[in-house]
Amino acid sequence: MPLVTHALTTLANVKLMLGITDSSKDSLLELLINSCTDWIESYCGRRFKAPSSAVVELIDCGYQSILILRDYPITTFTKLEERISQTDFEIIDSDDYLVDTANGRIILSFETQAGVGQYRAEYIGGFSTIPNDLSMACTQLVINEYNDRAGGGEIRSESLGEYSVTYTVGDTAGTEADRFIDQTLNKYKRVKV
């Protein structure tokens, strides 16, 4: 399975961290990278890697003066339009808004009209190079999934007489790596208004 074009880490990085030198696990690791990338983007509510062409996003809003775009930072902003009928939009003059490219916000000089898909923006947003901390968080999540794929987990307790063992299945939130993942993803999580 090939990596998706918006993958947040590379096969080489994951293999390096796991100490894998052959290609016997490549398909599994690519599956995990793709799954972890999709999970992170779903959790954060945004796509991180900038596409090669502009996207058109319909924006729902209430009565507000700031519109939040899904994917940022914004590298190219083409236009903002307001719905004037069920099928038609009208371009809003660029003097009537300011684009906060770093945070993916459009600051309007007026209050919006409420509606589903009331505004439409055309832009390119996302990182040309995924930030190192975000890539490492995805790599660490892939490693966690790889190590937990057998359903085991780390041994929490063990006895010898009448042998008994307890695993930490899915309960690794206290590890340093998991705290790093949580902190990193929360840093990149999309803010909703």
N, C-alpha and C. Protein backbone atom coordinates (compact mmCIF):
# COMPACT_ATOMS: atom_id res chain seq x y z
N MET A 1 0.85 -1.17 0.00
CA MET A 1 0.00 0.00 0.00
C MET A 1 0.90 1.24 0.00
N PRO A 2 0.77 2.10 -0.98
CA PRO A 2 1.60 3.30 -1.01
C PRO A 2 1.12 4.32 0.02
N LEU A 3 2.03 5.20 0.43
CA LEU A 3 1.67 6.26 1.36
C LEU A 3 0.78 7.29 0.67
N VAL A 4 -0.16 7.83 1.41
CA VAL A 4 -1.00 8.91 0.88
C VAL A 4 -0.12 10.14 0.70
N THR A 5 -0.48 11.01 -0.23
CA THR A 5 0.34 12.19 -0.52
C THR A 5 0.42 13.16 0.65
N HIS A 6 -0.55 13.08 1.57
CA HIS A 6 -0.56 13.99 2.72
C HIS A 6 -0.05 13.32 4.00
N ALA A 7 0.71 12.22 3.86
CA ALA A 7 1.24 11.51 5.03
C ALA A 7 2.07 12.45 5.90
N LEU A 8 1.93 12.30 7.21
CA LEU A 8 2.59 13.18 8.16
C LEU A 8 3.97 12.70 8.58
N THR A 9 4.34 11.51 8.19
CA THR A 9 5.69 11.00 8.44
C THR A 9 6.09 10.14 7.26
N THR A 10 7.31 9.64 7.30
CA THR A 10 7.81 8.81 6.20
C THR A 10 8.06 7.39 6.68
N LEU A 11 8.05 6.48 5.73
CA LEU A 11 8.38 5.09 6.03
C LEU A 11 9.80 4.99 6.58
N ALA A 12 10.72 5.75 6.01
CA ALA A 12 12.12 5.72 6.46
C ALA A 12 12.24 6.15 7.92
N ASN A 13 11.52 7.20 8.32
CA ASN A 13 11.58 7.66 9.72
C ASN A 13 11.04 6.61 10.69
N VAL A 14 9.92 5.99 10.33
CA VAL A 14 9.32 4.98 11.20
C VAL A 14 10.25 3.78 11.32
N LYS A 15 10.80 3.32 10.20
CA LYS A 15 11.71 2.17 10.24
C LYS A 15 12.96 2.48 11.04
N LEU A 16 13.47 3.68 10.92
CA LEU A 16 14.65 4.08 11.69
C LEU A 16 14.35 4.02 13.19
N MET A 17 13.21 4.56 13.60
CA MET A 17 12.84 4.57 15.02
C MET A 17 12.59 3.16 15.55
N LEU A 18 12.08 2.26 14.70
CA LEU A 18 11.82 0.88 15.11
C LEU A 18 13.04 -0.02 14.97
N GLY A 19 14.08 0.46 14.29
CA GLY A 19 15.26 -0.37 14.06
C GLY A 19 15.04 -1.45 13.02
N ILE A 20 14.13 -1.22 12.10
CA ILE A 20 13.84 -2.18 11.03
C ILE A 20 14.69 -1.83 9.82
N THR A 21 15.45 -2.80 9.31
CA THR A 21 16.34 -2.53 8.18
C THR A 21 15.92 -3.22 6.88
N ASP A 22 14.97 -4.15 6.96
CA ASP A 22 14.53 -4.81 5.73
C ASP A 22 13.14 -4.29 5.33
N SER A 23 12.61 -4.81 4.25
CA SER A 23 11.32 -4.31 3.73
C SER A 23 10.15 -5.25 4.06
N SER A 24 10.37 -6.23 4.92
CA SER A 24 9.32 -7.22 5.19
C SER A 24 8.08 -6.61 5.86
N LYS A 25 8.21 -5.50 6.54
CA LYS A 25 7.09 -4.88 7.26
C LYS A 25 6.58 -3.61 6.58
N ASP A 26 7.10 -3.30 5.38
CA ASP A 26 6.75 -2.04 4.73
C ASP A 26 5.26 -1.85 4.51
N SER A 27 4.57 -2.87 4.03
CA SER A 27 3.13 -2.75 3.77
C SER A 27 2.36 -2.44 5.05
N LEU A 28 2.68 -3.14 6.12
CA LEU A 28 2.03 -2.90 7.40
C LEU A 28 2.32 -1.49 7.89
N LEU A 29 3.58 -1.07 7.82
CA LEU A 29 3.94 0.26 8.30
C LEU A 29 3.28 1.36 7.47
N GLU A 30 3.19 1.16 6.15
CA GLU A 30 2.51 2.15 5.30
C GLU A 30 1.03 2.24 5.66
N LEU A 31 0.41 1.09 5.92
CA LEU A 31 -0.99 1.08 6.36
C LEU A 31 -1.15 1.87 7.66
N LEU A 32 -0.24 1.64 8.62
CA LEU A 32 -0.30 2.34 9.90
C LEU A 32 -0.03 3.83 9.74
N ILE A 33 0.92 4.21 8.89
CA ILE A 33 1.20 5.63 8.64
C ILE A 33 -0.04 6.31 8.06
N ASN A 34 -0.66 5.68 7.07
CA ASN A 34 -1.86 6.26 6.46
C ASN A 34 -3.00 6.38 7.48
N SER A 35 -3.20 5.34 8.28
CA SER A 35 -4.27 5.35 9.28
C SER A 35 -4.02 6.40 10.35
N CYS A 36 -2.78 6.48 10.83
CA CYS A 36 -2.45 7.46 11.87
C CYS A 36 -2.54 8.88 11.33
N THR A 37 -2.13 9.09 10.09
CA THR A 37 -2.27 10.41 9.46
C THR A 37 -3.73 10.81 9.41
N ASP A 38 -4.59 9.91 8.94
CA ASP A 38 -6.03 10.22 8.86
C ASP A 38 -6.61 10.47 10.24
N TRP A 39 -6.20 9.68 11.23
CA TRP A 39 -6.72 9.87 12.58
C TRP A 39 -6.31 11.24 13.13
N ILE A 40 -5.04 11.60 12.96
CA ILE A 40 -4.54 12.90 13.45
C ILE A 40 -5.28 14.04 12.77
N GLU A 41 -5.45 13.96 11.46
CA GLU A 41 -6.13 15.04 10.75
C GLU A 41 -7.59 15.14 11.15
N SER A 42 -8.22 14.02 11.40
CA SER A 42 -9.60 14.03 11.89
C SER A 42 -9.67 14.64 13.29
N TYR A 43 -8.76 14.24 14.16
CA TYR A 43 -8.72 14.77 15.53
C TYR A 43 -8.48 16.28 15.52
N CYS A 44 -7.56 16.73 14.68
CA CYS A 44 -7.20 18.15 14.63
C CYS A 44 -8.16 18.97 13.76
N GLY A 45 -8.99 18.31 12.97
CA GLY A 45 -9.98 19.01 12.16
C GLY A 45 -9.40 19.77 10.98
N ARG A 46 -8.28 19.29 10.46
CA ARG A 46 -7.65 19.99 9.35
C ARG A 46 -6.69 19.10 8.59
N ARG A 47 -6.39 19.49 7.35
CA ARG A 47 -5.37 18.84 6.53
C ARG A 47 -4.09 19.63 6.72
N PHE A 48 -2.96 18.96 6.94
CA PHE A 48 -1.72 19.66 7.24
C PHE A 48 -0.84 19.93 6.03
N LYS A 49 -0.80 19.00 5.10
CA LYS A 49 0.09 19.17 3.96
C LYS A 49 -0.63 19.97 2.87
N ALA A 50 0.04 21.01 2.41
CA ALA A 50 -0.55 21.88 1.38
C ALA A 50 -0.76 21.11 0.09
N PRO A 51 -1.94 21.25 -0.52
CA PRO A 51 -2.18 20.60 -1.81
C PRO A 51 -1.48 21.37 -2.93
N SER A 52 -1.40 20.78 -4.09
CA SER A 52 -0.74 21.45 -5.21
C SER A 52 -1.64 22.48 -5.89
N SER A 53 -2.94 22.41 -5.64
CA SER A 53 -3.85 23.38 -6.24
C SER A 53 -4.85 23.88 -5.18
N ALA A 54 -5.51 24.97 -5.52
CA ALA A 54 -6.43 25.60 -4.58
C ALA A 54 -7.63 24.71 -4.26
N VAL A 55 -8.12 24.85 -3.03
CA VAL A 55 -9.35 24.18 -2.62
C VAL A 55 -10.44 25.23 -2.49
N VAL A 56 -11.67 24.80 -2.64
CA VAL A 56 -12.82 25.68 -2.45
C VAL A 56 -13.55 25.16 -1.22
N GLU A 57 -13.69 26.01 -0.22
CA GLU A 57 -14.30 25.62 1.04
C GLU A 57 -15.57 26.44 1.29
N LEU A 58 -16.67 25.73 1.55
CA LEU A 58 -17.90 26.40 1.97
C LEU A 58 -17.84 26.60 3.47
N ILE A 59 -18.18 27.80 3.92
CA ILE A 59 -18.05 28.14 5.33
C ILE A 59 -19.42 28.43 5.92
N ASP A 60 -19.78 27.68 6.96
CA ASP A 60 -21.02 27.92 7.70
C ASP A 60 -20.74 29.01 8.73
N CYS A 61 -21.72 29.84 9.01
CA CYS A 61 -21.46 30.87 10.01
C CYS A 61 -22.75 31.39 10.61
N GLY A 62 -22.58 32.04 11.75
CA GLY A 62 -23.65 32.78 12.41
C GLY A 62 -23.38 34.25 12.17
N TYR A 63 -23.83 35.08 13.05
CA TYR A 63 -23.59 36.51 12.91
C TYR A 63 -22.25 36.81 13.58
N GLN A 64 -21.19 36.88 12.78
CA GLN A 64 -19.85 37.05 13.31
C GLN A 64 -19.01 37.85 12.32
N SER A 65 -17.83 38.27 12.75
CA SER A 65 -16.97 39.05 11.87
C SER A 65 -15.64 38.34 11.58
N ILE A 66 -15.54 37.08 11.99
CA ILE A 66 -14.35 36.28 11.70
C ILE A 66 -14.78 34.93 11.14
N LEU A 67 -14.18 34.54 10.03
CA LEU A 67 -14.41 33.22 9.44
C LEU A 67 -13.14 32.40 9.64
N ILE A 68 -13.30 31.15 10.00
CA ILE A 68 -12.17 30.25 10.24
C ILE A 68 -12.08 29.25 9.09
N LEU A 69 -10.91 29.22 8.45
CA LEU A 69 -10.68 28.26 7.37
C LEU A 69 -10.16 26.95 7.94
N ARG A 70 -10.43 25.87 7.24
CA ARG A 70 -10.09 24.53 7.72
C ARG A 70 -8.58 24.28 7.70
N ASP A 71 -7.91 24.65 6.62
CA ASP A 71 -6.50 24.31 6.44
C ASP A 71 -5.62 25.56 6.48
N TYR A 72 -4.65 25.56 7.33
CA TYR A 72 -3.73 26.71 7.45
C TYR A 72 -2.37 26.19 7.88
N PRO A 73 -1.32 26.96 7.71
CA PRO A 73 -1.27 28.35 7.29
C PRO A 73 -1.66 28.51 5.82
N ILE A 74 -2.13 29.69 5.49
CA ILE A 74 -2.57 29.99 4.13
C ILE A 74 -1.37 30.44 3.33
N THR A 75 -1.11 29.77 2.21
CA THR A 75 0.00 30.18 1.35
C THR A 75 -0.49 31.06 0.21
N THR A 76 -1.69 30.78 -0.28
CA THR A 76 -2.28 31.58 -1.36
C THR A 76 -3.77 31.73 -1.08
N PHE A 77 -4.24 32.98 -1.08
CA PHE A 77 -5.67 33.23 -0.92
C PHE A 77 -6.17 33.87 -2.20
N THR A 78 -7.14 33.23 -2.87
CA THR A 78 -7.60 33.69 -4.17
C THR A 78 -8.82 34.61 -4.06
N LYS A 79 -9.86 34.12 -3.34
CA LYS A 79 -11.06 34.96 -3.24
C LYS A 79 -12.00 34.48 -2.15
N LEU A 80 -12.86 35.42 -1.75
CA LEU A 80 -13.93 35.15 -0.79
C LEU A 80 -15.22 35.57 -1.46
N GLU A 81 -16.24 34.71 -1.35
CA GLU A 81 -17.53 34.99 -1.97
C GLU A 81 -18.66 34.79 -0.95
N GLU A 82 -19.76 35.52 -1.18
CA GLU A 82 -20.95 35.38 -0.34
C GLU A 82 -22.08 34.83 -1.20
N ARG A 83 -22.83 33.90 -0.61
CA ARG A 83 -23.97 33.31 -1.33
C ARG A 83 -25.06 34.36 -1.51
N ILE A 84 -25.55 34.50 -2.76
CA ILE A 84 -26.64 35.44 -3.01
C ILE A 84 -27.92 34.73 -3.45
N SER A 85 -27.79 33.45 -3.77
CA SER A 85 -28.95 32.62 -4.09
C SER A 85 -28.56 31.17 -3.83
N GLN A 86 -29.47 30.26 -4.07
CA GLN A 86 -29.19 28.84 -3.84
C GLN A 86 -27.96 28.37 -4.60
N THR A 87 -27.73 28.91 -5.80
CA THR A 87 -26.63 28.43 -6.64
C THR A 87 -25.57 29.48 -6.96
N ASP A 88 -25.82 30.73 -6.62
CA ASP A 88 -24.91 31.80 -7.04
C ASP A 88 -24.18 32.46 -5.87
N PHE A 89 -22.95 32.87 -6.15
CA PHE A 89 -22.12 33.58 -5.18
C PHE A 89 -21.64 34.88 -5.81
N GLU A 90 -21.33 35.85 -4.94
CA GLU A 90 -20.81 37.13 -5.39
C GLU A 90 -19.47 37.37 -4.69
N ILE A 91 -18.47 37.82 -5.45
CA ILE A 91 -17.15 38.06 -4.89
C ILE A 91 -17.21 39.25 -3.93
N ILE A 92 -16.58 39.09 -2.78
CA ILE A 92 -16.48 40.16 -1.80
C ILE A 92 -15.18 40.91 -2.07
N ASP A 93 -15.25 42.22 -2.12
CA ASP A 93 -14.08 43.06 -2.38
C ASP A 93 -13.02 42.81 -1.31
N SER A 94 -11.78 42.64 -1.75
CA SER A 94 -10.69 42.32 -0.81
C SER A 94 -10.42 43.46 0.19
N ASP A 95 -10.92 44.66 -0.06
CA ASP A 95 -10.80 45.76 0.91
C ASP A 95 -11.71 45.55 2.11
N ASP A 96 -12.65 44.60 2.01
CA ASP A 96 -13.63 44.36 3.08
C ASP A 96 -13.21 43.24 4.05
N TYR A 97 -12.01 42.72 3.86
CA TYR A 97 -11.54 41.67 4.77
C TYR A 97 -10.02 41.62 4.78
N LEU A 98 -9.50 41.00 5.82
CA LEU A 98 -8.07 40.79 5.98
C LEU A 98 -7.87 39.30 6.23
N VAL A 99 -6.91 38.69 5.56
CA VAL A 99 -6.63 37.27 5.74
C VAL A 99 -5.45 37.11 6.69
N ASP A 100 -5.70 36.46 7.83
CA ASP A 100 -4.65 36.11 8.79
C ASP A 100 -4.08 34.77 8.31
N THR A 101 -3.02 34.83 7.52
CA THR A 101 -2.50 33.63 6.86
C THR A 101 -1.95 32.60 7.85
N ALA A 102 -1.34 33.05 8.93
CA ALA A 102 -0.75 32.12 9.90
C ALA A 102 -1.79 31.28 10.61
N ASN A 103 -2.95 31.88 10.91
CA ASN A 103 -3.98 31.19 11.70
C ASN A 103 -5.22 30.79 10.91
N GLY A 104 -5.22 31.05 9.61
CA GLY A 104 -6.33 30.63 8.77
C GLY A 104 -7.64 31.34 9.07
N ARG A 105 -7.56 32.62 9.38
CA ARG A 105 -8.77 33.37 9.71
C ARG A 105 -8.99 34.47 8.69
N ILE A 106 -10.24 34.75 8.41
CA ILE A 106 -10.61 35.89 7.58
C ILE A 106 -11.33 36.87 8.50
N ILE A 107 -10.74 38.04 8.67
CA ILE A 107 -11.31 39.06 9.55
C ILE A 107 -12.07 40.04 8.67
N LEU A 108 -13.37 40.10 8.87
CA LEU A 108 -14.25 40.89 8.02
C LEU A 108 -14.47 42.29 8.59
N SER A 109 -14.76 43.23 7.71
CA SER A 109 -15.08 44.59 8.15
C SER A 109 -16.59 44.72 8.38
N PHE A 110 -17.29 43.62 8.34
CA PHE A 110 -18.74 43.60 8.53
C PHE A 110 -19.13 42.32 9.26
N GLU A 111 -20.35 42.24 9.70
CA GLU A 111 -20.86 41.04 10.36
C GLU A 111 -21.51 40.15 9.30
N THR A 112 -21.25 38.86 9.39
CA THR A 112 -21.75 37.93 8.38
C THR A 112 -23.26 37.70 8.52
N GLN A 113 -23.81 37.18 7.46
CA GLN A 113 -25.18 36.68 7.49
C GLN A 113 -25.11 35.22 7.91
N ALA A 114 -26.06 34.78 8.71
CA ALA A 114 -26.07 33.39 9.16
C ALA A 114 -26.50 32.48 8.03
N GLY A 115 -25.90 31.28 7.99
CA GLY A 115 -26.33 30.31 7.00
C GLY A 115 -25.33 29.19 6.81
N VAL A 116 -25.83 28.08 6.32
CA VAL A 116 -24.99 26.92 6.00
C VAL A 116 -24.40 27.17 4.62
N GLY A 117 -23.07 27.13 4.53
CA GLY A 117 -22.41 27.38 3.25
C GLY A 117 -22.64 28.78 2.75
N GLN A 118 -22.79 29.73 3.66
CA GLN A 118 -23.11 31.11 3.30
C GLN A 118 -21.93 31.80 2.60
N TYR A 119 -20.70 31.38 2.91
CA TYR A 119 -19.51 31.97 2.31
C TYR A 119 -18.67 30.88 1.67
N ARG A 120 -17.91 31.29 0.66
CA ARG A 120 -17.06 30.35 -0.06
C ARG A 120 -15.68 30.99 -0.25
N ALA A 121 -14.64 30.26 0.16
CA ALA A 121 -13.26 30.75 0.04
C ALA A 121 -12.47 29.81 -0.86
N GLU A 122 -11.61 30.40 -1.67
CA GLU A 122 -10.71 29.63 -2.53
C GLU A 122 -9.28 29.96 -2.11
N TYR A 123 -8.52 28.93 -1.74
CA TYR A 123 -7.19 29.16 -1.22
C TYR A 123 -6.35 27.89 -1.23
N ILE A 124 -5.06 28.06 -0.96
CA ILE A 124 -4.17 26.93 -0.71
C ILE A 124 -3.69 27.09 0.72
N GLY A 125 -3.92 26.07 1.51
CA GLY A 125 -3.53 26.13 2.91
C GLY A 125 -2.85 24.84 3.34
N GLY A 126 -1.97 24.96 4.30
CA GLY A 126 -1.23 23.81 4.81
C GLY A 126 0.26 24.07 4.74
N PHE A 127 1.02 23.13 5.27
CA PHE A 127 2.47 23.26 5.30
C PHE A 127 3.10 22.64 4.06
N SER A 128 4.09 23.30 3.49
CA SER A 128 4.83 22.68 2.38
C SER A 128 5.75 21.59 2.94
N THR A 129 6.25 21.80 4.16
CA THR A 129 7.03 20.80 4.88
C THR A 129 6.38 20.62 6.24
N ILE A 130 6.04 19.39 6.58
CA ILE A 130 5.39 19.10 7.86
C ILE A 130 6.35 19.46 9.00
N PRO A 131 5.87 20.22 10.02
CA PRO A 131 6.74 20.57 11.15
C PRO A 131 7.28 19.31 11.84
N ASN A 132 8.51 19.40 12.32
CA ASN A 132 9.19 18.24 12.93
C ASN A 132 8.41 17.64 14.09
N ASP A 133 7.84 18.47 14.97
CA ASP A 133 7.13 17.92 16.12
C ASP A 133 5.88 17.15 15.70
N LEU A 134 5.19 17.64 14.68
CA LEU A 134 3.99 16.96 14.18
C LEU A 134 4.36 15.64 13.50
N SER A 135 5.43 15.66 12.72
CA SER A 135 5.91 14.43 12.08
C SER A 135 6.32 13.40 13.13
N MET A 136 7.00 13.87 14.18
CA MET A 136 7.44 12.95 15.24
C MET A 136 6.24 12.40 16.01
N ALA A 137 5.21 13.22 16.23
CA ALA A 137 4.01 12.73 16.90
C ALA A 137 3.35 11.62 16.08
N CYS A 138 3.28 11.80 14.77
CA CYS A 138 2.71 10.76 13.91
C CYS A 138 3.59 9.52 13.94
N THR A 139 4.90 9.71 13.88
CA THR A 139 5.83 8.58 13.94
C THR A 139 5.63 7.79 15.24
N GLN A 140 5.53 8.51 16.35
CA GLN A 140 5.36 7.85 17.65
C GLN A 140 4.02 7.12 17.73
N LEU A 141 2.99 7.71 17.16
CA LEU A 141 1.67 7.04 17.15
C LEU A 141 1.73 5.76 16.31
N VAL A 142 2.43 5.81 15.19
CA VAL A 142 2.61 4.61 14.35
C VAL A 142 3.35 3.54 15.15
N ILE A 143 4.40 3.93 15.85
CA ILE A 143 5.17 2.98 16.66
C ILE A 143 4.28 2.36 17.74
N ASN A 144 3.48 3.18 18.40
CA ASN A 144 2.55 2.66 19.41
C ASN A 144 1.61 1.63 18.81
N GLU A 145 1.04 1.95 17.66
CA GLU A 145 0.10 1.04 17.00
C GLU A 145 0.82 -0.23 16.54
N TYR A 146 2.02 -0.09 16.03
CA TYR A 146 2.81 -1.24 15.61
C TYR A 146 3.08 -2.17 16.78
N ASN A 147 3.49 -1.59 17.90
CA ASN A 147 3.81 -2.40 19.08
C ASN A 147 2.57 -3.01 19.73
N ASP A 148 1.41 -2.37 19.59
CA ASP A 148 0.18 -2.87 20.21
C ASP A 148 -0.67 -3.71 19.27
N ARG A 149 -0.23 -3.95 18.04
CA ARG A 149 -1.08 -4.61 17.04
C ARG A 149 -1.50 -6.02 17.42
N ALA A 150 -0.73 -6.69 18.28
CA ALA A 150 -1.09 -8.05 18.69
C ALA A 150 -2.11 -8.03 19.81
N GLY A 151 -2.52 -6.82 20.24
CA GLY A 151 -3.53 -6.72 21.29
C GLY A 151 -2.93 -6.83 22.68
N GLY A 152 -1.64 -6.88 22.75
CA GLY A 152 -0.99 -7.03 24.05
C GLY A 152 -0.88 -5.73 24.79
N GLY A 153 0.21 -5.09 24.69
CA GLY A 153 0.49 -3.90 25.46
C GLY A 153 1.62 -4.21 26.42
N GLU A 154 1.95 -3.27 27.25
CA GLU A 154 3.02 -3.47 28.21
C GLU A 154 2.49 -4.26 29.41
N ILE A 155 3.37 -5.02 30.04
CA ILE A 155 2.99 -5.76 31.24
C ILE A 155 2.93 -4.79 32.40
N ARG A 156 1.77 -4.75 33.07
CA ARG A 156 1.59 -3.87 34.23
C ARG A 156 1.94 -4.62 35.51
N SER A 157 1.51 -5.87 35.63
CA SER A 157 1.85 -6.67 36.81
C SER A 157 1.98 -8.13 36.40
N GLU A 158 2.69 -8.89 37.23
CA GLU A 158 2.95 -10.28 36.91
C GLU A 158 3.12 -11.05 38.22
N SER A 159 2.62 -12.27 38.28
CA SER A 159 2.78 -13.14 39.45
C SER A 159 3.44 -14.42 39.00
N LEU A 160 4.00 -15.18 39.95
CA LEU A 160 4.66 -16.42 39.58
C LEU A 160 3.85 -17.64 39.99
N GLY A 161 3.43 -17.75 41.24
CA GLY A 161 2.59 -18.86 41.67
C GLY A 161 1.21 -18.74 41.06
N GLU A 162 0.70 -19.84 40.44
CA GLU A 162 -0.56 -19.78 39.69
C GLU A 162 -0.46 -18.62 38.69
N TYR A 163 0.51 -18.66 37.83
CA TYR A 163 0.93 -17.59 36.93
C TYR A 163 -0.22 -16.65 36.54
N SER A 164 0.02 -15.37 36.62
CA SER A 164 -0.95 -14.33 36.28
C SER A 164 -0.19 -13.16 35.66
N VAL A 165 -0.80 -12.48 34.73
CA VAL A 165 -0.19 -11.31 34.10
C VAL A 165 -1.28 -10.29 33.80
N THR A 166 -0.97 -9.01 33.93
CA THR A 166 -1.90 -7.94 33.60
C THR A 166 -1.22 -7.01 32.61
N TYR A 167 -1.91 -6.71 31.51
CA TYR A 167 -1.35 -5.82 30.48
C TYR A 167 -1.99 -4.44 30.57
N THR A 168 -1.31 -3.44 30.02
CA THR A 168 -1.84 -2.07 29.98
C THR A 168 -2.45 -1.80 28.61
N VAL A 169 -3.36 -2.62 28.19
CA VAL A 169 -3.98 -2.48 26.87
C VAL A 169 -4.66 -1.13 26.77
N GLY A 170 -4.17 -0.30 25.86
CA GLY A 170 -4.76 1.02 25.61
C GLY A 170 -4.62 1.98 26.77
N ASP A 171 -3.87 1.63 27.80
CA ASP A 171 -3.75 2.50 28.97
C ASP A 171 -2.30 2.97 29.12
N THR A 172 -1.82 3.67 28.09
CA THR A 172 -0.44 4.14 28.14
C THR A 172 -0.40 5.66 28.15
N ALA A 173 -1.51 6.31 28.55
CA ALA A 173 -1.59 7.77 28.52
C ALA A 173 -0.57 8.42 29.43
N GLY A 174 -0.03 7.68 30.38
CA GLY A 174 0.92 8.26 31.31
C GLY A 174 2.35 8.27 30.79
N THR A 175 2.63 7.67 29.64
CA THR A 175 4.00 7.63 29.16
C THR A 175 4.42 8.99 28.61
N GLU A 176 5.70 9.24 28.65
CA GLU A 176 6.25 10.50 28.12
C GLU A 176 5.91 10.66 26.64
N ALA A 177 6.01 9.58 25.88
CA ALA A 177 5.71 9.63 24.44
C ALA A 177 4.25 10.01 24.21
N ASP A 178 3.34 9.45 24.99
CA ASP A 178 1.93 9.78 24.82
C ASP A 178 1.62 11.21 25.23
N ARG A 179 2.29 11.70 26.25
CA ARG A 179 2.11 13.12 26.63
C ARG A 179 2.61 14.02 25.52
N PHE A 180 3.73 13.64 24.89
CA PHE A 180 4.25 14.41 23.76
C PHE A 180 3.24 14.44 22.61
N ILE A 181 2.66 13.28 22.30
CA ILE A 181 1.66 13.21 21.23
C ILE A 181 0.48 14.11 21.56
N ASP A 182 -0.06 13.99 22.77
CA ASP A 182 -1.21 14.81 23.19
C ASP A 182 -0.90 16.30 23.09
N GLN A 183 0.22 16.72 23.64
CA GLN A 183 0.58 18.14 23.63
C GLN A 183 0.77 18.66 22.21
N THR A 184 1.41 17.86 21.38
CA THR A 184 1.66 18.28 20.00
C THR A 184 0.36 18.41 19.22
N LEU A 185 -0.50 17.40 19.31
CA LEU A 185 -1.75 17.44 18.55
C LEU A 185 -2.65 18.57 19.04
N ASN A 186 -2.69 18.80 20.34
CA ASN A 186 -3.51 19.90 20.85
C ASN A 186 -2.99 21.26 20.38
N LYS A 187 -1.70 21.36 20.17
CA LYS A 187 -1.09 22.59 19.65
C LYS A 187 -1.58 22.88 18.22
N TYR A 188 -1.82 21.83 17.45
CA TYR A 188 -2.22 21.98 16.05
C TYR A 188 -3.73 21.82 15.82
N LYS A 189 -4.47 21.56 16.86
CA LYS A 189 -5.91 21.33 16.72
C LYS A 189 -6.61 22.60 16.27
N ARG A 190 -7.49 22.45 15.32
CA ARG A 190 -8.24 23.58 14.78
C ARG A 190 -9.20 24.14 15.81
N VAL A 191 -9.19 25.44 15.97
CA VAL A 191 -10.11 26.11 16.89
C VAL A 191 -11.40 26.39 16.15
N LYS A 192 -12.51 26.05 16.79
CA LYS A 192 -13.82 26.32 16.18
C LYS A 192 -14.46 27.48 16.90
N VAL A 193 -15.14 28.32 16.12
CA VAL A 193 -15.82 29.48 16.70
C VAL A 193 -17.27 29.15 16.91
